[in-house]
Amino acid sequence: METGEAGAPKAKTHDEARALLDEAWDRATKAYKVAKEQADIVHEEAKKMAVDKEARKRADEAHKEAVNEAKKVRDAITYVAQAVFTDFWTQREVAAQDAIVESKGRSDLAKKVYKEAKEQASIDHREAKKQAVDSQAKTEADATHKEAGRQAKQDYDDAMKE
């Protein structure tokens, strides 16, 4: 686990991100329960000590506000963990998109090189056949052309495997 900008934890793996999220949910739930229990205890004591209806009303309002604040703390804790978990998936998506773009670039380049090699082999073949003086030379030109095409295809296949 690393820390990113503003000191927020930055998960390296899905398991780390998931563990951080689960741990944050557990801590947030515990923090909320403790705060709510304390608010309930204080509320009960305040109601017992209240001498009139107005005092009980203020105690109820204070209790409601304390519970709301406990919920805010719980939500803040889970928000940070959820942000880390979401950031992990965003980073994976960016990396996957980069890999796709890079792969497409290699594929396009391999196709271009293959096409150029085939064209050059055809040009060389035509020139060799023009210059051939006998059938033996024409046969060798055909074989050379065929081998050049086969090599271009092999180079293309190798490039696509990378």
N, C-alpha and C. Protein backbone atom coordinates (compact mmCIF):
# COMPACT_ATOMS: atom_id res chain seq x y z
N MET A 1 0.86 -1.18 0.00
CA MET A 1 0.00 0.00 0.00
C MET A 1 0.90 1.22 0.00
N GLU A 2 0.60 2.16 -0.88
CA GLU A 2 1.34 3.41 -0.97
C GLU A 2 0.41 4.54 -0.55
N THR A 3 0.98 5.74 -0.47
CA THR A 3 0.12 6.90 -0.26
C THR A 3 0.21 7.78 -1.48
N GLY A 4 -0.93 8.27 -1.91
CA GLY A 4 -0.99 9.14 -3.08
C GLY A 4 -1.01 10.58 -2.66
N GLU A 5 -1.60 11.42 -3.50
CA GLU A 5 -1.71 12.84 -3.19
C GLU A 5 -2.54 13.03 -1.93
N ALA A 6 -2.21 14.03 -1.18
CA ALA A 6 -2.92 14.39 0.05
C ALA A 6 -2.86 13.28 1.10
N GLY A 7 -1.89 12.35 0.98
CA GLY A 7 -1.68 11.33 1.99
C GLY A 7 -2.72 10.23 1.99
N ALA A 8 -3.61 10.18 1.01
CA ALA A 8 -4.62 9.13 0.95
C ALA A 8 -3.95 7.82 0.54
N PRO A 9 -4.36 6.71 1.15
CA PRO A 9 -3.76 5.44 0.79
C PRO A 9 -4.05 5.11 -0.68
N LYS A 10 -3.11 4.42 -1.32
CA LYS A 10 -3.24 4.06 -2.73
C LYS A 10 -2.98 2.57 -2.84
N ALA A 11 -3.98 1.81 -3.21
CA ALA A 11 -3.87 0.36 -3.26
C ALA A 11 -3.11 -0.09 -4.50
N LYS A 12 -2.29 -1.12 -4.35
CA LYS A 12 -1.54 -1.68 -5.47
C LYS A 12 -2.31 -2.84 -6.11
N THR A 13 -3.07 -3.56 -5.31
CA THR A 13 -3.80 -4.71 -5.84
C THR A 13 -5.27 -4.62 -5.45
N HIS A 14 -6.07 -5.42 -6.14
CA HIS A 14 -7.50 -5.46 -5.84
C HIS A 14 -7.73 -5.92 -4.39
N ASP A 15 -6.98 -6.92 -3.97
CA ASP A 15 -7.15 -7.44 -2.61
C ASP A 15 -6.85 -6.37 -1.56
N GLU A 16 -5.79 -5.58 -1.79
CA GLU A 16 -5.48 -4.49 -0.86
C GLU A 16 -6.61 -3.46 -0.84
N ALA A 17 -7.10 -3.10 -2.02
CA ALA A 17 -8.16 -2.11 -2.10
C ALA A 17 -9.42 -2.63 -1.41
N ARG A 18 -9.75 -3.89 -1.65
CA ARG A 18 -10.95 -4.47 -1.05
C ARG A 18 -10.79 -4.57 0.47
N ALA A 19 -9.60 -4.97 0.95
CA ALA A 19 -9.36 -5.08 2.39
C ALA A 19 -9.48 -3.71 3.04
N LEU A 20 -8.93 -2.68 2.39
CA LEU A 20 -9.03 -1.33 2.93
C LEU A 20 -10.50 -0.90 3.03
N LEU A 21 -11.25 -1.19 1.99
CA LEU A 21 -12.67 -0.82 1.99
C LEU A 21 -13.43 -1.56 3.10
N ASP A 22 -13.21 -2.86 3.21
CA ASP A 22 -13.89 -3.64 4.26
C ASP A 22 -13.51 -3.17 5.65
N GLU A 23 -12.22 -2.91 5.84
CA GLU A 23 -11.75 -2.42 7.15
C GLU A 23 -12.38 -1.06 7.48
N ALA A 24 -12.45 -0.20 6.48
CA ALA A 24 -13.05 1.13 6.70
C ALA A 24 -14.52 1.00 7.07
N TRP A 25 -15.23 0.11 6.40
CA TRP A 25 -16.65 -0.09 6.74
C TRP A 25 -16.79 -0.57 8.18
N ASP A 26 -15.92 -1.52 8.58
CA ASP A 26 -15.96 -2.02 9.96
C ASP A 26 -15.67 -0.90 10.96
N ARG A 27 -14.62 -0.13 10.69
CA ARG A 27 -14.27 0.97 11.60
C ARG A 27 -15.37 2.02 11.63
N ALA A 28 -15.92 2.33 10.49
CA ALA A 28 -16.98 3.34 10.43
C ALA A 28 -18.20 2.88 11.22
N THR A 29 -18.54 1.62 11.08
CA THR A 29 -19.68 1.08 11.82
C THR A 29 -19.43 1.14 13.33
N LYS A 30 -18.22 0.74 13.73
CA LYS A 30 -17.88 0.79 15.16
C LYS A 30 -17.90 2.22 15.69
N ALA A 31 -17.31 3.14 14.92
CA ALA A 31 -17.29 4.54 15.36
C ALA A 31 -18.70 5.08 15.51
N TYR A 32 -19.57 4.74 14.57
CA TYR A 32 -20.96 5.19 14.63
C TYR A 32 -21.66 4.61 15.86
N LYS A 33 -21.47 3.31 16.08
CA LYS A 33 -22.14 2.67 17.22
C LYS A 33 -21.69 3.28 18.54
N VAL A 34 -20.38 3.49 18.68
CA VAL A 34 -19.85 4.07 19.92
C VAL A 34 -20.42 5.48 20.12
N ALA A 35 -20.37 6.29 19.07
CA ALA A 35 -20.88 7.67 19.18
C ALA A 35 -22.37 7.68 19.49
N LYS A 36 -23.11 6.79 18.85
CA LYS A 36 -24.56 6.74 19.09
C LYS A 36 -24.86 6.26 20.51
N GLU A 37 -24.12 5.26 20.98
CA GLU A 37 -24.32 4.79 22.35
C GLU A 37 -24.05 5.90 23.35
N GLN A 38 -22.97 6.64 23.13
CA GLN A 38 -22.65 7.75 24.03
C GLN A 38 -23.76 8.81 23.98
N ALA A 39 -24.23 9.11 22.78
CA ALA A 39 -25.31 10.09 22.64
C ALA A 39 -26.58 9.60 23.34
N ASP A 40 -26.87 8.31 23.23
CA ASP A 40 -28.06 7.75 23.88
C ASP A 40 -27.94 7.84 25.40
N ILE A 41 -26.75 7.53 25.93
CA ILE A 41 -26.55 7.60 27.38
C ILE A 41 -26.74 9.03 27.88
N VAL A 42 -26.09 9.96 27.19
CA VAL A 42 -26.21 11.37 27.59
C VAL A 42 -27.66 11.83 27.45
N HIS A 43 -28.33 11.41 26.42
CA HIS A 43 -29.72 11.80 26.18
C HIS A 43 -30.63 11.30 27.31
N GLU A 44 -30.44 10.05 27.68
CA GLU A 44 -31.26 9.49 28.77
C GLU A 44 -31.03 10.25 30.07
N GLU A 45 -29.77 10.53 30.37
CA GLU A 45 -29.45 11.27 31.60
C GLU A 45 -30.03 12.68 31.54
N ALA A 46 -29.93 13.31 30.39
CA ALA A 46 -30.45 14.68 30.24
C ALA A 46 -31.96 14.69 30.41
N LYS A 47 -32.63 13.68 29.87
CA LYS A 47 -34.09 13.62 30.01
C LYS A 47 -34.51 13.41 31.47
N LYS A 48 -33.71 12.59 32.18
CA LYS A 48 -34.02 12.37 33.59
C LYS A 48 -33.85 13.64 34.40
N MET A 49 -32.86 14.42 34.03
CA MET A 49 -32.58 15.64 34.77
C MET A 49 -33.43 16.83 34.34
N ALA A 50 -34.11 16.69 33.20
CA ALA A 50 -34.91 17.81 32.70
C ALA A 50 -36.07 18.09 33.65
N VAL A 51 -36.30 19.36 33.89
CA VAL A 51 -37.35 19.73 34.83
C VAL A 51 -38.65 20.16 34.15
N ASP A 52 -38.56 20.44 32.87
CA ASP A 52 -39.78 20.83 32.17
C ASP A 52 -39.76 20.29 30.73
N LYS A 53 -40.86 20.52 30.05
CA LYS A 53 -41.04 20.03 28.69
C LYS A 53 -40.01 20.65 27.73
N GLU A 54 -39.70 21.91 27.92
CA GLU A 54 -38.73 22.61 27.05
C GLU A 54 -37.34 21.99 27.19
N ALA A 55 -36.93 21.62 28.36
CA ALA A 55 -35.61 21.02 28.59
C ALA A 55 -35.55 19.64 27.93
N ARG A 56 -36.63 18.87 28.04
CA ARG A 56 -36.67 17.56 27.38
C ARG A 56 -36.60 17.72 25.85
N LYS A 57 -37.27 18.74 25.34
CA LYS A 57 -37.25 19.01 23.90
C LYS A 57 -35.83 19.35 23.44
N ARG A 58 -35.13 20.19 24.22
CA ARG A 58 -33.74 20.53 23.87
C ARG A 58 -32.85 19.29 23.94
N ALA A 59 -33.09 18.42 24.91
CA ALA A 59 -32.31 17.19 25.02
C ALA A 59 -32.55 16.29 23.80
N ASP A 60 -33.81 16.20 23.36
CA ASP A 60 -34.13 15.41 22.17
C ASP A 60 -33.45 15.98 20.93
N GLU A 61 -33.47 17.29 20.79
CA GLU A 61 -32.83 17.93 19.64
C GLU A 61 -31.32 17.72 19.66
N ALA A 62 -30.73 17.85 20.85
CA ALA A 62 -29.28 17.64 20.97
C ALA A 62 -28.92 16.19 20.63
N HIS A 63 -29.76 15.26 21.08
CA HIS A 63 -29.53 13.85 20.79
C HIS A 63 -29.62 13.60 19.28
N LYS A 64 -30.63 14.17 18.66
CA LYS A 64 -30.80 14.01 17.22
C LYS A 64 -29.58 14.57 16.48
N GLU A 65 -29.10 15.71 16.89
CA GLU A 65 -27.92 16.33 16.26
C GLU A 65 -26.68 15.46 16.48
N ALA A 66 -26.52 14.89 17.67
CA ALA A 66 -25.37 14.03 17.96
C ALA A 66 -25.39 12.78 17.08
N VAL A 67 -26.56 12.20 16.90
CA VAL A 67 -26.69 11.01 16.04
C VAL A 67 -26.37 11.40 14.58
N ASN A 68 -26.85 12.56 14.15
CA ASN A 68 -26.54 13.01 12.79
C ASN A 68 -25.03 13.22 12.60
N GLU A 69 -24.37 13.78 13.60
CA GLU A 69 -22.92 13.97 13.52
C GLU A 69 -22.20 12.63 13.48
N ALA A 70 -22.69 11.64 14.23
CA ALA A 70 -22.10 10.30 14.20
C ALA A 70 -22.24 9.70 12.79
N LYS A 71 -23.38 9.93 12.17
CA LYS A 71 -23.57 9.44 10.79
C LYS A 71 -22.61 10.12 9.83
N LYS A 72 -22.37 11.41 10.05
CA LYS A 72 -21.44 12.14 9.17
C LYS A 72 -20.02 11.59 9.29
N VAL A 73 -19.62 11.26 10.52
CA VAL A 73 -18.29 10.69 10.73
C VAL A 73 -18.20 9.33 10.03
N ARG A 74 -19.23 8.52 10.20
CA ARG A 74 -19.27 7.20 9.55
C ARG A 74 -19.17 7.36 8.03
N ASP A 75 -19.93 8.27 7.48
CA ASP A 75 -19.93 8.48 6.03
C ASP A 75 -18.57 9.01 5.54
N ALA A 76 -17.94 9.87 6.33
CA ALA A 76 -16.63 10.41 5.93
C ALA A 76 -15.59 9.30 5.87
N ILE A 77 -15.61 8.41 6.84
CA ILE A 77 -14.65 7.30 6.86
C ILE A 77 -14.86 6.41 5.65
N THR A 78 -16.08 6.05 5.37
CA THR A 78 -16.35 5.17 4.23
C THR A 78 -16.10 5.87 2.90
N TYR A 79 -16.29 7.19 2.86
CA TYR A 79 -16.05 7.93 1.63
C TYR A 79 -14.59 7.85 1.22
N VAL A 80 -13.68 8.00 2.16
CA VAL A 80 -12.25 7.93 1.85
C VAL A 80 -11.90 6.54 1.32
N ALA A 81 -12.37 5.50 1.99
CA ALA A 81 -12.07 4.14 1.55
C ALA A 81 -12.68 3.85 0.19
N GLN A 82 -13.89 4.32 -0.02
CA GLN A 82 -14.53 4.11 -1.32
C GLN A 82 -13.76 4.85 -2.42
N ALA A 83 -13.23 6.01 -2.10
CA ALA A 83 -12.45 6.77 -3.08
C ALA A 83 -11.19 5.99 -3.47
N VAL A 84 -10.53 5.36 -2.51
CA VAL A 84 -9.34 4.56 -2.79
C VAL A 84 -9.72 3.36 -3.66
N PHE A 85 -10.81 2.71 -3.32
CA PHE A 85 -11.26 1.54 -4.08
C PHE A 85 -11.60 1.94 -5.51
N THR A 86 -12.31 3.04 -5.67
CA THR A 86 -12.68 3.54 -6.99
C THR A 86 -11.44 3.94 -7.77
N ASP A 87 -10.48 4.59 -7.11
CA ASP A 87 -9.24 5.00 -7.76
C ASP A 87 -8.48 3.79 -8.29
N PHE A 88 -8.48 2.71 -7.53
CA PHE A 88 -7.82 1.49 -7.97
C PHE A 88 -8.40 1.03 -9.30
N TRP A 89 -9.72 0.97 -9.39
CA TRP A 89 -10.37 0.51 -10.62
C TRP A 89 -10.17 1.50 -11.76
N THR A 90 -10.14 2.79 -11.44
CA THR A 90 -9.89 3.80 -12.47
C THR A 90 -8.50 3.61 -13.05
N GLN A 91 -7.52 3.38 -12.18
CA GLN A 91 -6.15 3.17 -12.64
C GLN A 91 -6.05 1.92 -13.51
N ARG A 92 -6.75 0.86 -13.12
CA ARG A 92 -6.73 -0.37 -13.93
C ARG A 92 -7.35 -0.12 -15.29
N GLU A 93 -8.43 0.64 -15.32
CA GLU A 93 -9.10 0.94 -16.59
C GLU A 93 -8.17 1.76 -17.49
N VAL A 94 -7.49 2.75 -16.93
CA VAL A 94 -6.56 3.56 -17.71
C VAL A 94 -5.43 2.68 -18.26
N ALA A 95 -4.89 1.81 -17.42
CA ALA A 95 -3.81 0.91 -17.85
C ALA A 95 -4.30 -0.02 -18.97
N ALA A 96 -5.51 -0.52 -18.84
CA ALA A 96 -6.06 -1.41 -19.88
C ALA A 96 -6.25 -0.65 -21.19
N GLN A 97 -6.77 0.57 -21.10
CA GLN A 97 -6.95 1.38 -22.32
C GLN A 97 -5.60 1.69 -22.97
N ASP A 98 -4.60 2.01 -22.16
CA ASP A 98 -3.26 2.26 -22.70
C ASP A 98 -2.71 1.03 -23.42
N ALA A 99 -2.93 -0.14 -22.82
CA ALA A 99 -2.45 -1.38 -23.43
C ALA A 99 -3.17 -1.64 -24.76
N ILE A 100 -4.45 -1.34 -24.81
CA ILE A 100 -5.22 -1.54 -26.05
C ILE A 100 -4.69 -0.61 -27.15
N VAL A 101 -4.46 0.65 -26.80
CA VAL A 101 -3.95 1.61 -27.77
C VAL A 101 -2.57 1.17 -28.27
N GLU A 102 -1.71 0.76 -27.35
CA GLU A 102 -0.37 0.32 -27.73
C GLU A 102 -0.44 -0.91 -28.63
N SER A 103 -1.30 -1.85 -28.30
CA SER A 103 -1.45 -3.06 -29.10
C SER A 103 -1.96 -2.73 -30.50
N LYS A 104 -2.93 -1.83 -30.57
CA LYS A 104 -3.47 -1.43 -31.87
C LYS A 104 -2.38 -0.77 -32.70
N GLY A 105 -1.57 0.07 -32.07
CA GLY A 105 -0.48 0.72 -32.78
C GLY A 105 0.51 -0.29 -33.35
N ARG A 106 0.86 -1.30 -32.53
CA ARG A 106 1.77 -2.35 -33.01
C ARG A 106 1.13 -3.13 -34.15
N SER A 107 -0.15 -3.42 -34.01
CA SER A 107 -0.87 -4.16 -35.05
C SER A 107 -0.90 -3.37 -36.35
N ASP A 108 -1.22 -2.10 -36.27
CA ASP A 108 -1.26 -1.26 -37.47
C ASP A 108 0.11 -1.19 -38.12
N LEU A 109 1.15 -1.03 -37.32
CA LEU A 109 2.51 -0.97 -37.86
C LEU A 109 2.88 -2.30 -38.52
N ALA A 110 2.55 -3.41 -37.87
CA ALA A 110 2.86 -4.72 -38.44
C ALA A 110 2.14 -4.91 -39.78
N LYS A 111 0.89 -4.49 -39.86
CA LYS A 111 0.15 -4.61 -41.13
C LYS A 111 0.80 -3.76 -42.21
N LYS A 112 1.22 -2.55 -41.85
CA LYS A 112 1.85 -1.65 -42.82
C LYS A 112 3.16 -2.25 -43.33
N VAL A 113 3.99 -2.75 -42.40
CA VAL A 113 5.27 -3.35 -42.78
C VAL A 113 5.04 -4.58 -43.65
N TYR A 114 4.06 -5.40 -43.31
CA TYR A 114 3.74 -6.59 -44.09
C TYR A 114 3.32 -6.21 -45.51
N LYS A 115 2.45 -5.23 -45.63
CA LYS A 115 1.98 -4.79 -46.94
C LYS A 115 3.14 -4.25 -47.77
N GLU A 116 3.99 -3.43 -47.15
CA GLU A 116 5.14 -2.89 -47.86
C GLU A 116 6.11 -3.99 -48.30
N ALA A 117 6.32 -4.99 -47.46
CA ALA A 117 7.22 -6.09 -47.80
C ALA A 117 6.66 -6.89 -48.98
N LYS A 118 5.36 -7.14 -48.96
CA LYS A 118 4.74 -7.87 -50.07
C LYS A 118 4.85 -7.07 -51.37
N GLU A 119 4.60 -5.76 -51.28
CA GLU A 119 4.70 -4.92 -52.47
C GLU A 119 6.13 -4.91 -53.02
N GLN A 120 7.09 -4.78 -52.12
CA GLN A 120 8.49 -4.76 -52.56
C GLN A 120 8.87 -6.11 -53.18
N ALA A 121 8.40 -7.20 -52.59
CA ALA A 121 8.69 -8.53 -53.13
C ALA A 121 8.09 -8.67 -54.53
N SER A 122 6.90 -8.13 -54.74
CA SER A 122 6.28 -8.19 -56.07
C SER A 122 7.05 -7.36 -57.08
N ILE A 123 7.49 -6.17 -56.67
CA ILE A 123 8.28 -5.32 -57.55
C ILE A 123 9.59 -6.03 -57.92
N ASP A 124 10.27 -6.58 -56.90
CA ASP A 124 11.52 -7.30 -57.16
C ASP A 124 11.28 -8.51 -58.07
N HIS A 125 10.17 -9.19 -57.87
CA HIS A 125 9.83 -10.37 -58.67
C HIS A 125 9.63 -9.99 -60.13
N ARG A 126 8.86 -8.93 -60.37
CA ARG A 126 8.62 -8.49 -61.75
C ARG A 126 9.95 -8.10 -62.42
N GLU A 127 10.78 -7.39 -61.69
CA GLU A 127 12.08 -6.96 -62.24
C GLU A 127 12.96 -8.17 -62.55
N ALA A 128 12.98 -9.16 -61.64
CA ALA A 128 13.80 -10.35 -61.85
C ALA A 128 13.31 -11.15 -63.05
N LYS A 129 11.99 -11.22 -63.24
CA LYS A 129 11.44 -11.96 -64.38
C LYS A 129 11.77 -11.25 -65.69
N LYS A 130 11.77 -9.91 -65.66
CA LYS A 130 12.13 -9.15 -66.86
C LYS A 130 13.58 -9.43 -67.26
N GLN A 131 14.43 -9.53 -66.27
CA GLN A 131 15.86 -9.69 -66.53
C GLN A 131 16.24 -11.16 -66.76
N ALA A 132 15.33 -12.09 -66.46
CA ALA A 132 15.65 -13.51 -66.61
C ALA A 132 15.82 -13.85 -68.10
N VAL A 133 16.86 -14.63 -68.38
CA VAL A 133 17.14 -14.98 -69.78
C VAL A 133 16.68 -16.39 -70.12
N ASP A 134 16.43 -17.18 -69.10
CA ASP A 134 15.97 -18.54 -69.36
C ASP A 134 14.92 -18.95 -68.32
N SER A 135 14.35 -20.12 -68.53
CA SER A 135 13.28 -20.58 -67.62
C SER A 135 13.82 -20.87 -66.22
N GLN A 136 15.06 -21.28 -66.12
CA GLN A 136 15.68 -21.54 -64.82
C GLN A 136 15.71 -20.25 -63.99
N ALA A 137 16.07 -19.14 -64.57
CA ALA A 137 16.12 -17.86 -63.87
C ALA A 137 14.72 -17.41 -63.48
N LYS A 138 13.73 -17.67 -64.34
CA LYS A 138 12.33 -17.31 -64.02
C LYS A 138 11.82 -18.16 -62.86
N THR A 139 12.19 -19.43 -62.84
CA THR A 139 11.78 -20.32 -61.75
C THR A 139 12.41 -19.85 -60.44
N GLU A 140 13.68 -19.46 -60.48
CA GLU A 140 14.35 -18.96 -59.28
C GLU A 140 13.70 -17.65 -58.81
N ALA A 141 13.30 -16.80 -59.72
CA ALA A 141 12.63 -15.55 -59.37
C ALA A 141 11.29 -15.85 -58.69
N ASP A 142 10.57 -16.83 -59.22
CA ASP A 142 9.29 -17.23 -58.60
C ASP A 142 9.50 -17.78 -57.19
N ALA A 143 10.52 -18.61 -57.04
CA ALA A 143 10.81 -19.20 -55.72
C ALA A 143 11.22 -18.12 -54.73
N THR A 144 12.05 -17.17 -55.19
CA THR A 144 12.48 -16.08 -54.33
C THR A 144 11.28 -15.22 -53.92
N HIS A 145 10.39 -14.97 -54.85
CA HIS A 145 9.17 -14.18 -54.56
C HIS A 145 8.31 -14.90 -53.52
N LYS A 146 8.15 -16.19 -53.73
CA LYS A 146 7.35 -16.99 -52.80
C LYS A 146 7.97 -16.98 -51.39
N GLU A 147 9.29 -17.12 -51.32
CA GLU A 147 9.99 -17.11 -50.02
C GLU A 147 9.89 -15.74 -49.36
N ALA A 148 10.00 -14.67 -50.15
CA ALA A 148 9.87 -13.32 -49.59
C ALA A 148 8.47 -13.11 -49.01
N GLY A 149 7.44 -13.62 -49.69
CA GLY A 149 6.06 -13.53 -49.18
C GLY A 149 5.90 -14.32 -47.90
N ARG A 150 6.49 -15.50 -47.88
CA ARG A 150 6.41 -16.35 -46.68
C ARG A 150 7.12 -15.67 -45.50
N GLN A 151 8.28 -15.07 -45.76
CA GLN A 151 9.03 -14.38 -44.69
C GLN A 151 8.27 -13.16 -44.19
N ALA A 152 7.66 -12.42 -45.10
CA ALA A 152 6.86 -11.25 -44.70
C ALA A 152 5.70 -11.69 -43.80
N LYS A 153 5.06 -12.79 -44.17
CA LYS A 153 3.94 -13.31 -43.36
C LYS A 153 4.44 -13.76 -41.99
N GLN A 154 5.60 -14.41 -41.95
CA GLN A 154 6.17 -14.86 -40.68
C GLN A 154 6.50 -13.65 -39.79
N ASP A 155 7.09 -12.63 -40.38
CA ASP A 155 7.42 -11.41 -39.61
C ASP A 155 6.15 -10.77 -39.08
N TYR A 156 5.11 -10.74 -39.89
CA TYR A 156 3.82 -10.18 -39.46
C TYR A 156 3.25 -10.99 -38.29
N ASP A 157 3.24 -12.30 -38.42
CA ASP A 157 2.72 -13.17 -37.35
C ASP A 157 3.50 -12.99 -36.05
N ASP A 158 4.83 -12.89 -36.17
CA ASP A 158 5.66 -12.69 -34.97
C ASP A 158 5.34 -11.35 -34.30
N ALA A 159 5.18 -10.32 -35.12
CA ALA A 159 4.86 -9.00 -34.57
C ALA A 159 3.51 -9.00 -33.87
N MET A 160 2.56 -9.73 -34.39
CA MET A 160 1.22 -9.79 -33.79
C MET A 160 1.21 -10.56 -32.48
N LYS A 161 2.16 -11.47 -32.30
CA LYS A 161 2.23 -12.25 -31.06
C LYS A 161 2.82 -11.46 -29.91
N GLU A 162 3.58 -10.41 -30.21
CA GLU A 162 4.25 -9.63 -29.16
C GLU A 162 3.27 -8.81 -28.38
